Structure formats: C-alpha cells, structure tokens
C-alpha cells in the first residue's frame, strides 16, 4: 500500500500563495479585511458574553443597532473614537492598541 503525500502547509505559506507576500497590495488588502473581520467577531463575542442584544449595546454607547450590526458583520469601517466609546461605555472596558512593524 502506497503512503499518501501530506499536502498540509502552514497558514503563512497558504496566505502567501493565495494573496502574495507581505507588502504587496493584494496581501495588504487581505490583511486589512481580516483585521476588520476579527474586530467584528471580538465585539460580538464580548456582547454575547454579557448577554446583551445589539440594541442594548447601542443604547449604552449612544449609537444604533444597525451600526453595531454592521460592525459585527464587517460591513462598516469604524472610527477609533467610536470604537473607544463602545468599549468604554458599552462594555465598561479600555481599548489598548499595538502596532507591529
């Protein structure tokens, strides 16, 4: 019996192949979209952990349910000041940022 070849590659190799190396326009666009997606997922998880609806979160931080939904579903750019307000007033937390060069 012949052994099957393992076709697994690590995530970085996969992304390099499909979107190009870091620093290319296509890769940069992919990574920006991915970060926006992660932000929406993180916000939804925080909201659900607190048993809050989108409407309840919106009321706490002075925005609309529609806006919260658009962020969670990666359909809207979000201003830093708005994100800080959502974290502070909606979740009672503090936003920390980091930059990777």
C-alpha atoms as a PDB file:
ATOM      1  CA  UNK A   1       0.000   0.000   0.000  1.00  0.00           C
ATOM      2  CA  UNK A   2       1.405   3.380  -1.030  1.00  0.00           C
ATOM      3  CA  UNK A   3       1.517   6.164   1.608  1.00  0.00           C
ATOM      4  CA  UNK A   4      -0.477   9.314   0.884  1.00  0.00           C
ATOM      5  CA  UNK A   5       1.509  12.512   0.468  1.00  0.00           C
ATOM      6  CA  UNK A   6       0.837  15.080   3.175  1.00  0.00           C
ATOM      7  CA  UNK A   7      -0.302  18.277   1.433  1.00  0.00           C
ATOM      8  CA  UNK A   8      -0.546  20.375   4.580  1.00  0.00           C
ATOM      9  CA  UNK A   9       1.085  23.805   4.564  1.00  0.00           C
ATOM     10  CA  UNK A  10       1.271  26.313   7.381  1.00  0.00           C
ATOM     11  CA  UNK A  11      -1.065  29.310   7.366  1.00  0.00           C
ATOM     12  CA  UNK A  12       1.615  31.796   6.303  1.00  0.00           C
ATOM     13  CA  UNK A  13       2.510  29.673   3.248  1.00  0.00           C
ATOM     14  CA  UNK A  14      -1.174  29.343   2.362  1.00  0.00           C
ATOM     15  CA  UNK A  15      -1.759  33.093   2.558  1.00  0.00           C
ATOM     16  CA  UNK A  16       1.474  33.801   0.631  1.00  0.00           C
ATOM     17  CA  UNK A  17       0.292  31.505  -2.157  1.00  0.00           C
ATOM     18  CA  UNK A  18      -3.239  32.914  -2.381  1.00  0.00           C
ATOM     19  CA  UNK A  19      -2.634  36.611  -1.582  1.00  0.00           C
ATOM     20  CA  UNK A  20       1.072  37.225  -2.200  1.00  0.00           C
ATOM     21  CA  UNK A  21       3.925  38.091   0.098  1.00  0.00           C
ATOM     22  CA  UNK A  22       3.656  40.689   2.859  1.00  0.00           C
ATOM     23  CA  UNK A  23       3.906  44.205   1.474  1.00  0.00           C
ATOM     24  CA  UNK A  24       2.065  43.529  -1.773  1.00  0.00           C
ATOM     25  CA  UNK A  25      -1.167  45.426  -2.414  1.00  0.00           C
ATOM     26  CA  UNK A  26      -3.273  42.272  -2.611  1.00  0.00           C
ATOM     27  CA  UNK A  27      -1.849  40.910   0.664  1.00  0.00           C
ATOM     28  CA  UNK A  28      -2.247  44.261   2.444  1.00  0.00           C
ATOM     29  CA  UNK A  29      -5.884  44.454   1.364  1.00  0.00           C
ATOM     30  CA  UNK A  30      -6.491  40.894   2.589  1.00  0.00           C
ATOM     31  CA  UNK A  31      -4.893  41.617   5.980  1.00  0.00           C
ATOM     32  CA  UNK A  32      -6.868  44.832   6.455  1.00  0.00           C
ATOM     33  CA  UNK A  33     -10.090  42.973   5.745  1.00  0.00           C
ATOM     34  CA  UNK A  34      -9.114  40.190   8.099  1.00  0.00           C
ATOM     35  CA  UNK A  35      -8.421  42.641  10.939  1.00  0.00           C
ATOM     36  CA  UNK A  36     -11.833  44.275  10.409  1.00  0.00           C
ATOM     37  CA  UNK A  37     -13.445  40.822  10.458  1.00  0.00           C
ATOM     38  CA  UNK A  38     -11.653  39.934  13.720  1.00  0.00           C
ATOM     39  CA  UNK A  39     -12.799  43.187  15.320  1.00  0.00           C
ATOM     40  CA  UNK A  40     -16.421  42.419  14.476  1.00  0.00           C
ATOM     41  CA  UNK A  41     -16.156  38.886  15.858  1.00  0.00           C
ATOM     42  CA  UNK A  42     -14.476  40.113  19.054  1.00  0.00           C
ATOM     43  CA  UNK A  43     -17.155  42.725  19.601  1.00  0.00           C
ATOM     44  CA  UNK A  44     -19.936  40.195  19.045  1.00  0.00           C
ATOM     45  CA  UNK A  45     -18.316  37.744  21.474  1.00  0.00           C
ATOM     46  CA  UNK A  46     -17.981  40.436  24.167  1.00  0.00           C
ATOM     47  CA  UNK A  47     -21.626  41.410  23.678  1.00  0.00           C
ATOM     48  CA  UNK A  48     -22.858  37.817  23.853  1.00  0.00           C
ATOM     49  CA  UNK A  49     -20.750  37.057  26.933  1.00  0.00           C
ATOM     50  CA  UNK A  50     -22.598  39.895  28.648  1.00  0.00           C
ATOM     51  CA  UNK A  51     -25.979  38.600  27.414  1.00  0.00           C
ATOM     52  CA  UNK A  52     -26.626  41.868  25.591  1.00  0.00           C
ATOM     53  CA  UNK A  53     -28.569  42.408  22.414  1.00  0.00           C
ATOM     54  CA  UNK A  54     -27.236  44.688  19.706  1.00  0.00           C
ATOM     55  CA  UNK A  55     -29.941  47.161  20.651  1.00  0.00           C
ATOM     56  CA  UNK A  56     -28.907  47.155  24.328  1.00  0.00           C
ATOM     57  CA  UNK A  57     -25.268  47.745  23.419  1.00  0.00           C
ATOM     58  CA  UNK A  58     -26.226  50.540  21.034  1.00  0.00           C
ATOM     59  CA  UNK A  59     -28.297  52.273  23.723  1.00  0.00           C
ATOM     60  CA  UNK A  60     -25.444  52.080  26.246  1.00  0.00           C
ATOM     61  CA  UNK A  61     -22.913  53.697  23.928  1.00  0.00           C
ATOM     62  CA  UNK A  62     -25.104  56.137  22.005  1.00  0.00           C
ATOM     63  CA  UNK A  63     -25.265  54.545  18.582  1.00  0.00           C
ATOM     64  CA  UNK A  64     -27.781  52.458  16.648  1.00  0.00           C
ATOM     65  CA  UNK A  65     -28.477  48.736  16.486  1.00  0.00           C
ATOM     66  CA  UNK A  66     -27.879  48.934  12.741  1.00  0.00           C
ATOM     67  CA  UNK A  67     -24.383  50.363  13.283  1.00  0.00           C
ATOM     68  CA  UNK A  68     -23.489  47.644  15.819  1.00  0.00           C
ATOM     69  CA  UNK A  69     -24.746  45.012  13.370  1.00  0.00           C
ATOM     70  CA  UNK A  70     -22.678  46.482  10.538  1.00  0.00           C
ATOM     71  CA  UNK A  71     -19.524  46.390  12.670  1.00  0.00           C
ATOM     72  CA  UNK A  72     -20.154  42.819  13.809  1.00  0.00           C
ATOM     73  CA  UNK A  73     -20.768  41.723  10.228  1.00  0.00           C
ATOM     74  CA  UNK A  74     -17.711  43.535   8.829  1.00  0.00           C
ATOM     75  CA  UNK A  75     -19.846  45.804   6.702  1.00  0.00           C
ATOM     76  CA  UNK A  76     -18.696  49.123   8.088  1.00  0.00           C
ATOM     77  CA  UNK A  77     -15.486  50.981   8.767  1.00  0.00           C
ATOM     78  CA  UNK A  78     -15.357  52.131  12.359  1.00  0.00           C
ATOM     79  CA  UNK A  79     -13.764  55.286  13.685  1.00  0.00           C
ATOM     80  CA  UNK A  80     -11.299  54.840  16.511  1.00  0.00           C
ATOM     81  CA  UNK A  81     -13.212  57.287  18.706  1.00  0.00           C
ATOM     82  CA  UNK A  82     -16.418  55.289  18.160  1.00  0.00           C
ATOM     83  CA  UNK A  83     -14.686  52.005  18.953  1.00  0.00           C
ATOM     84  CA  UNK A  84     -13.245  53.507  22.138  1.00  0.00           C
ATOM     85  CA  UNK A  85     -16.727  54.726  23.162  1.00  0.00           C
ATOM     86  CA  UNK A  86     -18.288  51.304  22.501  1.00  0.00           C
ATOM     87  CA  UNK A  87     -15.622  49.550  24.576  1.00  0.00           C
ATOM     88  CA  UNK A  88     -15.751  52.147  27.391  1.00  0.00           C
ATOM     89  CA  UNK A  89     -19.480  52.867  27.637  1.00  0.00           C
ATOM     90  CA  UNK A  90     -20.910  49.673  26.180  1.00  0.00           C
ATOM     91  CA  UNK A  91     -18.619  47.136  27.830  1.00  0.00           C
ATOM     92  CA  UNK A  92     -17.025  49.111  30.678  1.00  0.00           C
ATOM     93  CA  UNK A  93     -13.525  48.395  29.368  1.00  0.00           C
ATOM     94  CA  UNK A  94     -10.500  50.170  27.966  1.00  0.00           C
ATOM     95  CA  UNK A  95      -9.135  49.819  24.448  1.00  0.00           C
ATOM     96  CA  UNK A  96      -5.435  49.022  24.000  1.00  0.00           C
ATOM     97  CA  UNK A  97      -3.748  49.193  20.609  1.00  0.00           C
ATOM     98  CA  UNK A  98      -0.496  47.779  19.341  1.00  0.00           C
ATOM     99  CA  UNK A  99       1.455  48.303  16.156  1.00  0.00           C
ATOM    100  CA  UNK A 100       3.511  45.552  14.560  1.00  0.00           C
ATOM    101  CA  UNK A 101       6.196  46.723  12.152  1.00  0.00           C
END
